[in-house]
Amino acid sequence: MKLEEKKAAKLIEDQYLGAYQKEVNEIVGKEIPININWDTFEIYFIKFVPSICLQRLTDGLKEVCKNDKLREVIAANINAIEIYCVPNEDAETKKELKLGGGVFSLTACWGGHQSGYYTDLDITEYLESNL
């Protein structure tokens, strides 16, 4: 990771990640650490982490967790969230939502063409159909 990317990632962590982390914990009712794998991000896409990635994740979890039973299932099955970025080229075929071993992984081109990342509805539907 270049210095410019490290500075941008640090800025996002300092200004946004804590608030989103707190909100996710409140939504689910337990602490679920969010790990952003910054090494997978190009500099251009780092700036979209709050608005495209974290906001959609949070909104998707809010929708699922409106139902107390589903909130319990989420809390029982997700212990960590991992976020990865793929290049914009062919992102639509490379993006992936994955749940296994207590880890919910979101891999997409956060900030590229809209077909390369997930909406909150996509995240909600994935969780509801895989838990």
Protein backbone atom coordinates (compact mmCIF):
# COMPACT_ATOMS: atom_id res chain seq x y z
CA MET A 1 0.00 0.00 0.00
CA LYS A 2 1.35 3.39 -0.96
CA LEU A 3 1.53 6.27 1.49
CA GLU A 4 -1.35 8.08 -0.23
CA GLU A 5 -3.59 5.01 0.18
CA LYS A 6 -2.54 4.55 3.82
CA LYS A 7 -3.40 8.18 4.57
CA ALA A 8 -6.80 7.86 2.88
CA ALA A 9 -7.58 4.61 4.72
CA LYS A 10 -6.57 6.15 8.05
CA LEU A 11 -8.80 9.15 7.36
CA ILE A 12 -11.79 6.88 6.67
CA GLU A 13 -11.08 4.86 9.81
CA ASP A 14 -10.77 7.97 11.96
CA GLN A 15 -13.78 9.84 10.57
CA TYR A 16 -16.29 7.09 9.75
CA LEU A 17 -15.49 3.54 10.77
CA GLY A 18 -16.09 4.00 14.51
CA ALA A 19 -19.59 5.39 13.97
CA TYR A 20 -20.53 2.62 11.52
CA GLN A 21 -19.04 0.02 13.86
CA LYS A 22 -21.14 1.34 16.74
CA GLU A 23 -24.28 1.37 14.60
CA VAL A 24 -23.76 -2.21 13.37
CA ASN A 25 -23.23 -3.38 16.96
CA GLU A 26 -26.45 -1.66 18.05
CA ILE A 27 -28.44 -3.06 15.13
CA VAL A 28 -27.35 -6.64 15.75
CA GLY A 29 -27.22 -6.41 19.53
CA LYS A 30 -23.63 -7.53 19.90
CA GLU A 31 -20.14 -6.50 18.89
CA ILE A 32 -19.28 -7.59 15.36
CA PRO A 33 -15.89 -6.24 14.30
CA ILE A 34 -15.68 -4.77 10.80
CA ASN A 35 -12.33 -5.39 9.13
CA ILE A 36 -11.64 -3.48 5.94
CA ASN A 37 -8.86 -5.13 3.97
CA TRP A 38 -7.31 -1.88 2.75
CA ASP A 39 -4.60 -3.69 0.76
CA THR A 40 -7.30 -4.74 -1.71
CA PHE A 41 -8.39 -1.14 -2.42
CA GLU A 42 -7.07 1.16 -5.10
CA ILE A 43 -6.82 4.79 -3.99
CA TYR A 44 -9.82 5.88 -6.06
CA PHE A 45 -12.19 3.43 -4.34
CA ILE A 46 -11.13 4.12 -0.74
CA LYS A 47 -13.19 7.32 -0.65
CA PHE A 48 -16.36 5.34 -1.37
CA VAL A 49 -16.05 3.05 1.65
CA PRO A 50 -18.38 5.09 3.90
CA SER A 51 -21.11 5.95 1.40
CA ILE A 52 -21.14 2.90 -0.86
CA CYS A 53 -19.87 0.07 1.30
CA LEU A 54 -20.52 0.75 4.98
CA GLN A 55 -23.83 2.54 4.47
CA ARG A 56 -25.23 -0.30 2.36
CA LEU A 57 -24.00 -2.88 4.85
CA THR A 58 -25.62 -0.98 7.72
CA ASP A 59 -28.89 -0.45 5.85
CA GLY A 60 -29.01 -4.13 4.85
CA LEU A 61 -28.49 -5.24 8.45
CA LYS A 62 -31.15 -2.78 9.66
CA GLU A 63 -33.69 -4.35 7.33
CA VAL A 64 -32.87 -7.91 8.36
CA CYS A 65 -32.77 -7.06 12.05
CA LYS A 66 -36.23 -5.47 12.08
CA ASN A 67 -37.39 -8.97 12.89
CA ASP A 68 -36.22 -10.02 16.39
CA LYS A 69 -35.89 -13.68 15.38
CA LEU A 70 -33.66 -12.79 12.42
CA ARG A 71 -31.61 -10.47 14.65
CA GLU A 72 -30.95 -13.42 16.96
CA VAL A 73 -29.94 -15.56 13.97
CA ILE A 74 -27.60 -12.83 12.71
CA ALA A 75 -26.05 -12.44 16.17
CA ALA A 76 -25.59 -16.20 16.50
CA ASN A 77 -24.04 -16.68 13.06
CA ILE A 78 -21.95 -13.57 12.36
CA ASN A 79 -18.96 -12.83 14.56
CA ALA A 80 -16.98 -10.67 12.15
CA ILE A 81 -17.39 -8.75 8.91
CA GLU A 82 -14.63 -8.68 6.29
CA ILE A 83 -14.65 -6.18 3.43
CA TYR A 84 -12.60 -6.57 0.26
CA CYS A 85 -12.38 -4.61 -2.98
CA VAL A 86 -11.88 -5.97 -6.49
CA PRO A 87 -10.87 -3.97 -9.56
CA ASN A 88 -13.69 -2.31 -11.48
CA GLU A 89 -12.93 -4.37 -14.59
CA ASP A 90 -15.18 -7.46 -14.50
CA ALA A 91 -16.30 -6.56 -10.96
CA GLU A 92 -19.80 -7.81 -11.68
CA THR A 93 -18.48 -11.36 -12.15
CA LYS A 94 -15.90 -11.13 -9.34
CA LYS A 95 -18.08 -9.66 -6.60
CA GLU A 96 -19.17 -12.05 -3.86
CA LEU A 97 -21.10 -12.22 -0.62
CA LYS A 98 -20.02 -15.11 1.56
CA LEU A 99 -20.99 -16.38 4.98
CA GLY A 100 -19.05 -19.11 6.71
CA GLY A 101 -17.28 -19.85 9.96
CA GLY A 102 -18.93 -16.87 11.62
CA VAL A 103 -17.53 -14.43 9.05
CA PHE A 104 -19.64 -12.40 6.64
CA SER A 105 -17.43 -11.34 3.71
CA LEU A 106 -18.35 -8.66 1.21
CA THR A 107 -16.19 -8.49 -1.90
CA ALA A 108 -17.02 -5.93 -4.58
CA CYS A 109 -15.75 -2.86 -6.38
CA TRP A 110 -16.95 -0.28 -3.87
CA GLY A 111 -17.32 2.89 -5.89
CA GLY A 112 -17.04 1.49 -9.38
CA HIS A 113 -19.96 0.89 -11.71
CA GLN A 114 -23.13 0.03 -9.75
CA SER A 115 -23.19 -3.47 -11.23
CA GLY A 116 -19.92 -4.17 -9.41
CA TYR A 117 -21.10 -3.63 -5.85
CA TYR A 118 -24.01 -4.69 -3.64
CA THR A 119 -27.02 -2.66 -2.61
CA ASP A 120 -28.56 -2.87 0.83
CA LEU A 121 -31.38 -4.93 -0.71
CA ASP A 122 -28.83 -7.41 -2.12
CA ILE A 123 -27.23 -7.75 1.31
CA THR A 124 -30.61 -8.18 3.02
CA GLU A 125 -31.74 -10.84 0.54
CA TYR A 126 -28.44 -12.70 0.80
CA LEU A 127 -28.56 -12.83 4.60
CA GLU A 128 -32.23 -13.81 4.72
CA SER A 129 -31.73 -16.65 2.25
CA ASN A 130 -28.45 -17.94 3.72
CA LEU A 131 -29.26 -18.02 7.43
